[in-house]
């Protein structure tokens, strides 16, 4: 077997892993590169995969850094299955269409205003490409084994994080290869705790927060203080927010704060058509998260939902106090960019960063205290207060990742630490080696590694590898193929 790291190596974006074995080529995740320009330019390079020989794609979840390259793959001619959970399928239908629409709009904007070095500026992919990709999605239940061929199976196990998020666990040539995906937090207020693994011969584990611990503060109290301090100045709170997961967490806390009288009765706007559509999905996946039906309905009424461009523009003509929640979470695009342009120069306002900010993004610049940020080719002065609320993260920190790994019965033959900036990935490697004494590597971009299989197990043509790798929870026993 061979494993090639086509993304998610030396960076926290662009997750793509090509697994070759048992006569198959399987792509685990198909994400966009985000962050620095050098990273983003990789999206335009031909993927070093013969799409005609690719047998399957398995998605861990619907964030664009894990699924956002699918329309390009479809445009290149891929027509095989894209396996994912039902929640991921529902989210991809929103995410990929919205991503394609934004790319078309940004290309058109650049052409109208001469803001591109390319003539004409083109989108990375179109809505038509996204629709072609969506036709390939094949939804699977959690923890249901799927046979790929005589010697290869896989399961998707709940990973917390966001709706539909999963760890992909494959049995290929008698060996279990597990891909963590993005692991959620055990005490997340909305998503259930991630399901631990019982066994893995080879493990690929994320390290987004591999070099830090999350604050133990109460997110509701932190938000309440930010709101009160800003409203006292008559200011506006702008929250760059991921449309999937983070926006719903913010709405959940806003609903709580208003219900308990800890937040002034000021207008709250969710200025993201995508986040609005995602919020509605929580009512259709009640069994997957911790919210009751009443609570799921409450997050849908915690803010005024803004869909049209004219409605979004109208917000910028209002005065504070108010709260604006808008995408994107790292301020790389979307409607929040226009709100930052309008409100960052006013010292009465606050910009609240509530998620991970990848290197090279406007969000990272704001978090680092940049006195100005570049928007639409112009530098915008940042006089607003900038605060970071790290306790809202949907990613496990390094201690939580170590706890998630603890139930694995025997040391994997090799563990690959991915999906982290270099310092975070190396720190996670060190934590795993010092805690469990496993053999760990931090792979590099485009690196290929050999994964020895097991001829004896292959000859038995059994599903033992998949059966033993489902869940470490004794109340949820492993079972054979569906």
Protein backbone atom coordinates (compact mmCIF):
# COMPACT_ATOMS: atom_id res chain seq x y z
CA UNK A 1 0.00 0.00 0.00
CA UNK A 2 1.01 3.60 -0.55
CA UNK A 3 -0.22 6.83 1.05
CA UNK A 4 0.46 10.19 -0.57
CA UNK A 5 -0.15 13.49 1.20
CA UNK A 6 -1.63 15.77 -1.48
CA UNK A 7 -2.74 18.34 1.10
CA UNK A 8 -3.16 18.86 4.81
CA UNK A 9 0.62 18.44 5.18
CA UNK A 10 2.68 21.38 6.51
CA UNK A 11 -0.56 23.34 6.59
CA UNK A 12 -4.01 23.32 8.16
CA UNK A 13 -5.90 23.38 4.85
CA UNK A 14 -6.26 21.49 1.58
CA UNK A 15 -6.78 18.04 3.11
CA UNK A 16 -6.29 15.33 0.48
CA UNK A 17 -4.81 11.88 1.07
CA UNK A 18 -4.38 9.32 -1.73
CA UNK A 19 -4.42 5.71 -0.52
CA UNK A 20 -3.39 3.02 -3.00
CA UNK A 21 -3.86 -0.64 -2.16
CA UNK A 22 -5.91 -3.76 -2.91
CA UNK A 23 -6.04 -2.68 -6.55
CA UNK A 24 -7.77 0.58 -5.61
CA UNK A 25 -6.98 4.28 -5.57
CA UNK A 26 -8.98 6.07 -2.87
CA UNK A 27 -8.90 9.79 -2.11
CA UNK A 28 -9.71 10.62 1.49
CA UNK A 29 -10.96 14.22 1.56
CA UNK A 30 -10.78 16.65 -1.35
CA UNK A 31 -10.24 20.06 0.18
CA UNK A 32 -9.34 23.55 -0.92
CA UNK A 33 -6.10 25.21 0.10
CA UNK A 34 -6.72 28.44 2.00
CA UNK A 35 -4.52 30.99 3.76
CA UNK A 36 -1.36 32.39 2.17
CA UNK A 37 -1.20 33.16 -1.54
CA UNK A 38 1.33 30.38 -2.10
CA UNK A 39 -1.13 27.94 -0.56
CA UNK A 40 -4.11 29.24 -2.53
CA UNK A 41 -2.19 29.00 -5.80
CA UNK A 42 -1.97 25.23 -5.27
CA UNK A 43 -5.69 25.06 -6.03
CA UNK A 44 -4.87 26.05 -9.61
CA UNK A 45 -2.18 23.41 -10.08
CA UNK A 46 -3.23 20.11 -11.65
CA UNK A 47 -3.81 17.53 -8.92
CA UNK A 48 -1.15 14.81 -9.31
CA UNK A 49 -3.75 12.06 -9.63
CA UNK A 50 -4.95 10.20 -12.70
CA UNK A 51 -8.66 10.91 -12.24
CA UNK A 52 -9.51 8.11 -14.64
CA UNK A 53 -7.91 5.59 -12.25
CA UNK A 54 -9.48 7.00 -9.09
CA UNK A 55 -11.99 4.51 -7.67
CA UNK A 56 -13.58 6.41 -4.78
CA UNK A 57 -13.53 9.57 -2.69
CA UNK A 58 -14.33 9.48 1.02
CA UNK A 59 -15.16 12.75 2.77
CA UNK A 60 -14.70 13.23 6.50
CA UNK A 61 -16.85 16.38 6.62
CA UNK A 62 -18.18 19.38 4.73
CA UNK A 63 -15.81 22.23 5.57
CA UNK A 64 -14.30 23.58 2.36
CA UNK A 65 -10.75 22.66 3.35
CA UNK A 66 -11.96 19.05 3.22
CA UNK A 67 -14.55 19.05 0.40
CA UNK A 68 -14.15 22.31 -1.54
CA UNK A 69 -12.01 20.88 -4.36
CA UNK A 70 -14.65 18.35 -5.41
CA UNK A 71 -16.07 20.53 -8.21
CA UNK A 72 -12.60 20.73 -9.78
CA UNK A 73 -12.28 16.95 -9.57
CA UNK A 74 -15.70 16.59 -11.24
CA UNK A 75 -14.72 19.04 -13.96
CA UNK A 76 -11.60 16.93 -14.59
CA UNK A 77 -13.85 13.98 -15.36
CA UNK A 78 -14.19 12.09 -12.10
CA UNK A 79 -17.51 10.21 -12.11
CA UNK A 80 -17.02 7.70 -9.29
CA UNK A 81 -18.72 7.69 -5.88
CA UNK A 82 -18.06 10.29 -3.20
CA UNK A 83 -18.91 8.61 0.09
CA UNK A 84 -19.93 10.70 3.10
CA UNK A 85 -22.44 10.79 5.94
CA UNK A 86 -25.95 12.13 5.46
CA UNK A 87 -25.14 15.29 7.37
CA UNK A 88 -22.10 15.91 5.20
CA UNK A 89 -24.15 15.37 2.05
CA UNK A 90 -26.76 17.90 3.19
CA UNK A 91 -24.09 20.44 4.10
CA UNK A 92 -22.15 19.92 0.86
CA UNK A 93 -25.26 20.80 -1.11
CA UNK A 94 -25.17 24.19 0.60
CA UNK A 95 -21.41 24.68 0.85
CA UNK A 96 -20.35 23.76 -2.67
CA UNK A 97 -23.10 25.73 -4.39
CA UNK A 98 -22.32 28.78 -2.25
CA UNK A 99 -18.57 28.43 -2.78
CA UNK A 100 -19.03 28.22 -6.54
CA UNK A 101 -21.37 31.21 -6.57
CA UNK A 102 -18.89 33.28 -4.55
CA UNK A 103 -16.05 32.33 -6.89
CA UNK A 104 -18.10 33.41 -9.89
CA UNK A 105 -19.06 36.67 -8.17
CA UNK A 106 -15.48 37.45 -7.11
CA UNK A 107 -14.20 36.82 -10.63
CA UNK A 108 -16.92 39.09 -12.05
CA UNK A 109 -16.09 41.79 -9.46
CA UNK A 110 -12.39 41.61 -10.32
CA UNK A 111 -13.19 41.95 -14.02
CA UNK A 112 -15.52 44.93 -13.48
CA UNK A 113 -13.03 46.82 -11.33
CA UNK A 114 -9.78 45.69 -12.92
CA UNK A 115 -8.62 44.01 -9.69
CA UNK A 116 -6.95 41.00 -11.28
CA UNK A 117 -3.66 40.39 -13.05
CA UNK A 118 -5.48 37.91 -15.27
CA UNK A 119 -7.64 39.00 -18.19
CA UNK A 120 -10.25 37.86 -17.78
CA UNK A 121 -10.26 36.68 -14.17
CA UNK A 122 -11.83 33.21 -13.97
CA UNK A 123 -13.41 31.36 -11.05
CA UNK A 124 -11.64 28.24 -9.83
CA UNK A 125 -14.90 26.43 -10.55
CA UNK A 126 -18.46 27.28 -11.50
CA UNK A 127 -21.92 26.49 -10.17
CA UNK A 128 -22.22 23.97 -13.01
CA UNK A 129 -19.07 22.22 -11.74
CA UNK A 130 -20.50 22.15 -8.22
CA UNK A 131 -23.76 20.61 -9.42
CA UNK A 132 -21.80 17.95 -11.27
CA UNK A 133 -19.90 17.13 -8.06
CA UNK A 134 -23.07 16.97 -5.95
CA UNK A 135 -24.49 14.28 -8.21
CA UNK A 136 -21.63 12.00 -7.09
CA UNK A 137 -22.39 12.13 -3.35
CA UNK A 138 -23.40 8.78 -1.87
CA UNK A 139 -24.57 9.06 1.74
CA UNK A 140 -23.74 6.40 4.31
CA UNK A 141 -24.92 5.81 7.87
CA UNK A 142 -22.43 6.19 10.69
CA UNK A 143 -20.62 2.95 11.60
CA UNK A 144 -21.97 0.98 8.64
CA UNK A 145 -19.29 -1.00 6.82
CA UNK A 146 -19.07 -0.49 3.06
CA UNK A 147 -17.26 -2.94 0.80
CA UNK A 148 -15.10 -1.34 -1.90
CA UNK A 149 -13.80 -4.60 -3.33
CA UNK A 150 -12.90 -8.08 -2.12
CA UNK A 151 -10.06 -6.79 0.05
CA UNK A 152 -11.14 -3.27 1.08
CA UNK A 153 -13.82 -1.88 3.40
CA UNK A 154 -14.44 1.33 5.26
CA UNK A 155 -16.61 2.85 8.00
CA UNK A 156 -17.40 6.43 9.03
CA UNK A 157 -17.38 7.02 12.80
CA UNK A 158 -18.80 10.16 14.49
CA UNK A 159 -16.09 12.79 15.06
CA UNK A 160 -18.12 15.60 16.66
CA UNK A 161 -16.86 18.92 15.25
CA UNK A 162 -19.81 19.75 12.94
CA UNK A 163 -22.91 18.04 11.56
CA UNK A 164 -21.94 14.88 9.71
CA UNK A 165 -18.26 15.00 10.66
CA UNK A 166 -16.61 11.60 10.70
CA UNK A 167 -13.36 9.73 11.07
CA UNK A 168 -12.76 7.45 8.08
CA UNK A 169 -11.57 3.98 9.06
CA UNK A 170 -10.51 1.66 6.26
CA UNK A 171 -9.43 -1.97 6.19
CA UNK A 172 -7.22 -2.51 3.13
CA UNK A 173 -5.13 -5.61 2.53
CA UNK A 174 -5.80 -6.74 6.08
CA UNK A 175 -4.54 -3.51 7.69
CA UNK A 176 -6.61 -0.81 9.39
CA UNK A 177 -5.84 2.73 8.24
CA UNK A 178 -7.68 5.44 10.20
CA UNK A 179 -8.05 9.09 9.20
CA UNK A 180 -9.19 11.23 12.11
CA UNK A 181 -10.73 14.04 10.08
CA UNK A 182 -11.31 17.05 12.33
CA UNK A 183 -11.93 15.91 15.89
CA UNK A 184 -14.48 17.81 17.94
CA UNK A 185 -14.41 18.58 21.64
CA UNK A 186 -15.83 16.23 24.27
CA UNK A 187 -17.79 19.01 25.98
CA UNK A 188 -18.98 20.91 22.91
CA UNK A 189 -22.32 22.62 23.73
CA UNK A 190 -23.93 21.45 20.49
CA UNK A 191 -22.12 18.48 18.96
CA UNK A 192 -21.81 15.12 20.69
CA UNK A 193 -18.38 13.90 21.76
CA UNK A 194 -16.24 12.22 19.08
CA UNK A 195 -16.20 8.43 19.08
CA UNK A 196 -12.75 7.00 19.90
CA UNK A 197 -11.01 4.27 17.94
CA UNK A 198 -10.22 0.84 19.31
CA UNK A 199 -7.52 -0.11 16.81
CA UNK A 200 -5.44 1.28 13.96
CA UNK A 201 -2.40 -0.18 12.23
CA UNK A 202 -1.79 3.20 10.59
CA UNK A 203 -3.19 6.48 11.82
CA UNK A 204 -3.48 9.93 10.25
CA UNK A 205 -4.42 12.44 12.95
CA UNK A 206 -5.12 16.16 12.79
CA UNK A 207 -3.14 18.74 14.80
CA UNK A 208 -4.94 22.06 14.30
CA UNK A 209 -4.43 22.92 17.98
CA UNK A 210 -1.52 20.56 18.56
CA UNK A 211 0.51 23.25 20.30
CA UNK A 212 -2.08 24.77 22.64
CA UNK A 213 -4.81 24.22 25.17
CA UNK A 214 -8.17 25.93 24.96
CA UNK A 215 -9.10 28.39 27.65
CA UNK A 216 -11.37 26.95 30.32
CA UNK A 217 -13.51 30.09 30.35
CA UNK A 218 -17.24 30.13 29.70
CA UNK A 219 -17.94 31.27 26.11
CA UNK A 220 -21.31 32.75 27.09
CA UNK A 221 -19.67 34.94 29.73
CA UNK A 222 -16.93 36.02 27.31
CA UNK A 223 -19.48 36.97 24.67
CA UNK A 224 -21.63 38.76 27.26
CA UNK A 225 -18.66 40.91 28.28
CA UNK A 226 -17.73 41.75 24.67
CA UNK A 227 -21.33 42.71 23.94
CA UNK A 228 -21.74 44.82 27.10
CA UNK A 229 -18.44 46.68 26.65
CA UNK A 230 -19.16 47.47 23.00
CA UNK A 231 -22.81 48.43 23.51
CA UNK A 232 -21.76 50.79 26.30
CA UNK A 233 -19.76 52.71 23.68
CA UNK A 234 -22.68 52.61 21.27
CA UNK A 235 -20.60 50.36 19.05
CA UNK A 236 -21.11 47.41 16.74
CA UNK A 237 -19.76 43.88 17.23
CA UNK A 238 -18.64 42.27 13.98
CA UNK A 239 -18.06 38.51 14.20
CA UNK A 240 -16.32 36.86 11.25
CA UNK A 241 -17.81 33.41 11.49
CA UNK A 242 -17.69 30.03 9.82
CA UNK A 243 -21.13 29.31 8.39
CA UNK A 244 -21.05 25.69 9.51
CA UNK A 245 -20.80 25.01 13.21
CA UNK A 246 -19.44 28.26 14.60
CA UNK A 247 -22.34 30.45 13.49
CA UNK A 248 -24.78 28.05 15.14
CA UNK A 249 -22.75 28.05 18.38
CA UNK A 250 -22.83 31.85 18.48
CA UNK A 251 -26.58 31.86 17.86
CA UNK A 252 -27.03 29.28 20.62
CA UNK A 253 -25.23 31.52 23.11
CA UNK A 254 -27.05 34.64 21.91
CA UNK A 255 -30.37 32.87 22.48
CA UNK A 256 -29.24 31.86 25.97
CA UNK A 257 -27.98 35.33 26.86
CA UNK A 258 -31.17 37.01 25.70
CA UNK A 259 -33.38 34.45 27.47
CA UNK A 260 -31.53 35.01 30.75
CA UNK A 261 -31.34 38.80 30.47
CA UNK A 262 -27.53 38.85 30.18
CA UNK A 263 -27.58 40.62 26.83
CA UNK A 264 -29.23 43.88 25.86
CA UNK A 265 -32.13 43.65 23.45
CA UNK A 266 -30.22 44.93 20.41
CA UNK A 267 -30.51 43.83 16.77
CA UNK A 268 -28.50 40.73 15.87
CA UNK A 269 -27.99 39.96 12.18
CA UNK A 270 -26.82 36.70 10.63
CA UNK A 271 -25.58 38.05 7.33
CA UNK A 272 -24.87 34.79 5.55
CA UNK A 273 -27.31 32.97 3.30
CA UNK A 274 -25.21 29.84 3.72
CA UNK A 275 -25.22 30.02 7.53
CA UNK A 276 -28.97 30.65 7.44
CA UNK A 277 -29.53 27.49 5.39
CA UNK A 278 -27.15 25.48 7.59
CA UNK A 279 -28.95 26.60 10.75
CA UNK A 280 -32.17 25.13 9.40
CA UNK A 281 -30.49 21.72 9.01
CA UNK A 282 -30.04 21.36 12.76
CA UNK A 283 -33.76 20.69 13.03
CA UNK A 284 -33.40 17.76 10.60
CA UNK A 285 -30.45 16.11 12.36
CA UNK A 286 -31.59 16.27 15.97
CA UNK A 287 -30.24 12.83 16.84
CA UNK A 288 -26.71 13.87 15.89
CA UNK A 289 -26.26 16.80 18.28
CA UNK A 290 -27.05 17.66 21.90
CA UNK A 291 -29.75 20.27 21.22
CA UNK A 292 -33.39 19.51 21.86
CA UNK A 293 -35.93 20.36 19.18
CA UNK A 294 -36.82 23.49 21.17
CA UNK A 295 -33.18 24.58 21.34
CA UNK A 296 -32.63 23.83 17.66
CA UNK A 297 -35.61 26.06 16.86
CA UNK A 298 -34.26 28.77 19.20
CA UNK A 299 -30.99 29.17 17.27
CA UNK A 300 -33.08 29.81 14.16
CA UNK A 301 -34.78 32.76 15.88
CA UNK A 302 -31.78 34.26 17.70
CA UNK A 303 -30.97 36.65 14.85
CA UNK A 304 -32.51 38.36 11.86
CA UNK A 305 -31.54 36.24 8.85
CA UNK A 306 -30.08 38.32 6.02
CA UNK A 307 -30.15 36.74 2.58
CA UNK A 308 -30.09 39.40 -0.13
CA UNK A 309 -27.26 41.74 -1.06
CA UNK A 310 -29.55 44.76 -0.63
CA UNK A 311 -30.41 43.64 2.91
CA UNK A 312 -26.71 43.25 3.66
CA UNK A 313 -25.93 46.73 2.34
CA UNK A 314 -28.73 48.16 4.45
CA UNK A 315 -27.04 46.91 7.63
CA UNK A 316 -24.00 49.04 6.89
CA UNK A 317 -26.22 52.11 6.95
CA UNK A 318 -27.36 51.41 10.52
CA UNK A 319 -25.85 52.73 13.73
CA UNK A 320 -24.95 50.75 16.85
CA UNK A 321 -25.40 49.07 19.07
CA UNK A 322 -25.90 45.84 17.14
CA UNK A 323 -24.23 42.51 16.35
CA UNK A 324 -23.31 41.32 12.85
CA UNK A 325 -22.38 37.68 12.34
CA UNK A 326 -21.08 37.09 8.82
CA UNK A 327 -18.84 34.78 6.82
CA UNK A 328 -16.14 33.99 6.25
CA UNK A 329 -14.61 32.85 9.52
CA UNK A 330 -11.06 33.91 8.63
CA UNK A 331 -12.26 37.05 6.78
CA UNK A 332 -10.86 35.74 3.51
CA UNK A 333 -14.01 36.63 1.58
CA UNK A 334 -17.77 36.80 1.83
CA UNK A 335 -19.91 39.54 3.28
CA UNK A 336 -17.90 40.06 6.46
CA UNK A 337 -15.18 41.71 4.36
CA UNK A 338 -17.56 44.55 3.49
CA UNK A 339 -18.55 44.92 7.15
CA UNK A 340 -14.91 45.08 8.21
CA UNK A 341 -14.30 47.74 5.60
CA UNK A 342 -17.20 49.76 6.97
CA UNK A 343 -16.74 49.25 10.72
CA UNK A 344 -13.06 48.47 11.44
CA UNK A 345 -12.02 52.16 11.34
CA UNK A 346 -14.36 53.14 14.24
CA UNK A 347 -12.86 52.82 17.74
CA UNK A 348 -16.30 52.23 19.28
CA UNK A 349 -16.67 48.92 17.47
CA UNK A 350 -15.33 45.45 18.24
CA UNK A 351 -14.17 42.68 15.92
CA UNK A 352 -14.61 39.35 17.72
CA UNK A 353 -12.58 36.45 16.32
CA UNK A 354 -14.20 33.17 17.33
CA UNK A 355 -12.35 30.53 15.31
CA UNK A 356 -9.00 29.36 14.02
CA UNK A 357 -7.17 31.93 11.89
CA UNK A 358 -4.84 30.33 9.37
CA UNK A 359 -1.57 32.04 8.51
CA UNK A 360 -1.89 34.59 5.73
CA UNK A 361 -5.57 35.38 6.28
CA UNK A 362 -7.06 38.74 7.26
CA UNK A 363 -8.28 37.09 10.44
CA UNK A 364 -4.70 36.15 11.35
CA UNK A 365 -3.57 39.71 10.66
CA UNK A 366 -6.32 41.08 12.90
CA UNK A 367 -5.45 38.60 15.65
CA UNK A 368 -1.81 39.72 15.45
CA UNK A 369 -2.82 43.36 15.95
CA UNK A 370 -2.28 44.63 12.41
CA UNK A 371 -2.97 48.39 12.29
CA UNK A 372 -4.53 48.01 8.84
CA UNK A 373 -5.81 45.28 6.56
CA UNK A 374 -6.04 45.12 2.79
CA UNK A 375 -9.58 44.85 1.38
CA UNK A 376 -10.43 45.10 -2.31
CA UNK A 377 -7.00 46.49 -3.10
CA UNK A 378 -7.17 49.22 -0.46
CA UNK A 379 -5.74 49.43 3.06
CA UNK A 380 -8.35 49.85 5.78
CA UNK A 381 -7.35 51.30 9.16
CA UNK A 382 -8.19 49.08 12.16
CA UNK A 383 -9.23 51.26 15.09
CA UNK A 384 -11.89 48.90 16.41
CA UNK A 385 -11.02 46.67 19.34
CA UNK A 386 -10.04 43.15 18.30
CA UNK A 387 -10.74 40.28 20.71
CA UNK A 388 -10.20 36.55 20.35
CA UNK A 389 -12.53 34.06 22.03
CA UNK A 390 -10.68 30.75 21.79
CA UNK A 391 -13.07 28.81 24.03
CA UNK A 392 -15.53 28.57 21.12
CA UNK A 393 -13.28 26.33 19.04
CA UNK A 394 -14.84 23.22 17.50
CA UNK A 395 -11.42 21.51 17.30
CA UNK A 396 -9.99 19.43 20.10
CA UNK A 397 -6.84 20.85 21.68
CA UNK A 398 -3.80 18.65 22.18
CA UNK A 399 -4.93 17.29 25.56
CA UNK A 400 -8.36 16.43 24.13
CA UNK A 401 -6.72 14.76 21.12
CA UNK A 402 -4.53 12.69 23.42
CA UNK A 403 -7.64 11.61 25.33
CA UNK A 404 -9.33 10.64 22.06
CA UNK A 405 -6.30 8.49 21.15
CA UNK A 406 -6.03 6.78 24.55
CA UNK A 407 -8.46 3.85 23.88
CA UNK A 408 -6.41 2.57 20.91
CA UNK A 409 -5.43 -0.88 22.18
CA UNK A 410 -2.00 -1.29 20.57
CA UNK A 411 0.45 1.28 19.21
CA UNK A 412 -0.11 1.90 15.49
CA UNK A 413 2.78 0.85 13.31
CA UNK A 414 3.05 4.47 12.21
CA UNK A 415 1.19 7.65 13.08
CA UNK A 416 1.14 10.60 10.69
CA UNK A 417 0.42 14.04 12.16
CA UNK A 418 -1.28 16.31 9.63
CA UNK A 419 -3.70 19.24 9.26
CA UNK A 420 -1.69 21.69 11.34
CA UNK A 421 0.70 24.56 10.84
CA UNK A 422 4.32 23.30 11.14
CA UNK A 423 4.75 24.29 14.80
CA UNK A 424 1.40 22.78 15.82
CA UNK A 425 2.00 19.52 13.92
CA UNK A 426 5.47 19.05 15.39
CA UNK A 427 4.17 19.81 18.89
CA UNK A 428 1.41 17.19 18.46
CA UNK A 429 3.99 14.68 17.28
CA UNK A 430 6.02 15.35 20.41
CA UNK A 431 2.96 15.04 22.68
CA UNK A 432 2.04 11.66 21.17
CA UNK A 433 5.60 10.33 21.31
CA UNK A 434 6.12 11.44 24.92
CA UNK A 435 2.70 10.26 26.13
CA UNK A 436 2.22 6.98 24.26
CA UNK A 437 5.69 6.28 22.77
CA UNK A 438 4.23 5.73 19.30
CA UNK A 439 6.27 6.08 16.14
CA UNK A 440 5.17 9.47 14.73
CA UNK A 441 5.97 11.39 11.57
CA UNK A 442 5.00 14.83 10.30
CA UNK A 443 4.68 14.27 6.54
CA UNK A 444 5.58 16.86 3.95
CA UNK A 445 3.50 18.07 1.03
CA UNK A 446 3.38 15.44 -1.78
CA UNK A 447 5.33 12.90 0.29
CA UNK A 448 4.54 9.23 -0.42
CA UNK A 449 5.00 6.53 2.22
CA UNK A 450 4.82 2.76 1.95
CA UNK A 451 2.37 0.96 4.26
CA UNK A 452 3.16 -2.77 4.44
CA UNK A 453 0.02 -4.90 4.24
CA UNK A 454 -0.59 -8.38 5.62
CA UNK A 455 -0.63 -11.26 3.15
CA UNK A 456 -1.99 -13.67 5.75
CA UNK A 457 -4.98 -11.50 6.60
CA UNK A 458 -5.54 -10.71 2.93
CA UNK A 459 -5.73 -14.41 2.11
CA UNK A 460 -8.49 -14.98 4.67
CA UNK A 461 -10.72 -12.42 2.91
CA UNK A 462 -12.25 -11.48 6.26
CA UNK A 463 -13.68 -8.28 7.66
CA UNK A 464 -11.86 -8.71 10.96
CA UNK A 465 -9.91 -5.52 10.43
CA UNK A 466 -13.02 -3.42 10.02
CA UNK A 467 -14.91 -5.20 12.81
CA UNK A 468 -12.24 -4.47 15.39
CA UNK A 469 -11.78 -0.84 14.43
CA UNK A 470 -15.25 0.54 14.94
CA UNK A 471 -15.67 1.99 18.40
CA UNK A 472 -13.90 1.69 21.70
CA UNK A 473 -17.25 1.99 23.47
CA UNK A 474 -18.23 -1.48 24.80
CA UNK A 475 -21.89 -0.50 24.60
CA UNK A 476 -21.53 -0.15 20.81
CA UNK A 477 -20.03 -3.47 19.65
CA UNK A 478 -18.41 -3.85 16.28
CA UNK A 479 -20.41 -5.66 13.64
CA UNK A 480 -19.89 -7.06 10.18
CA UNK A 481 -20.43 -5.40 6.84
CA UNK A 482 -23.77 -3.78 6.05
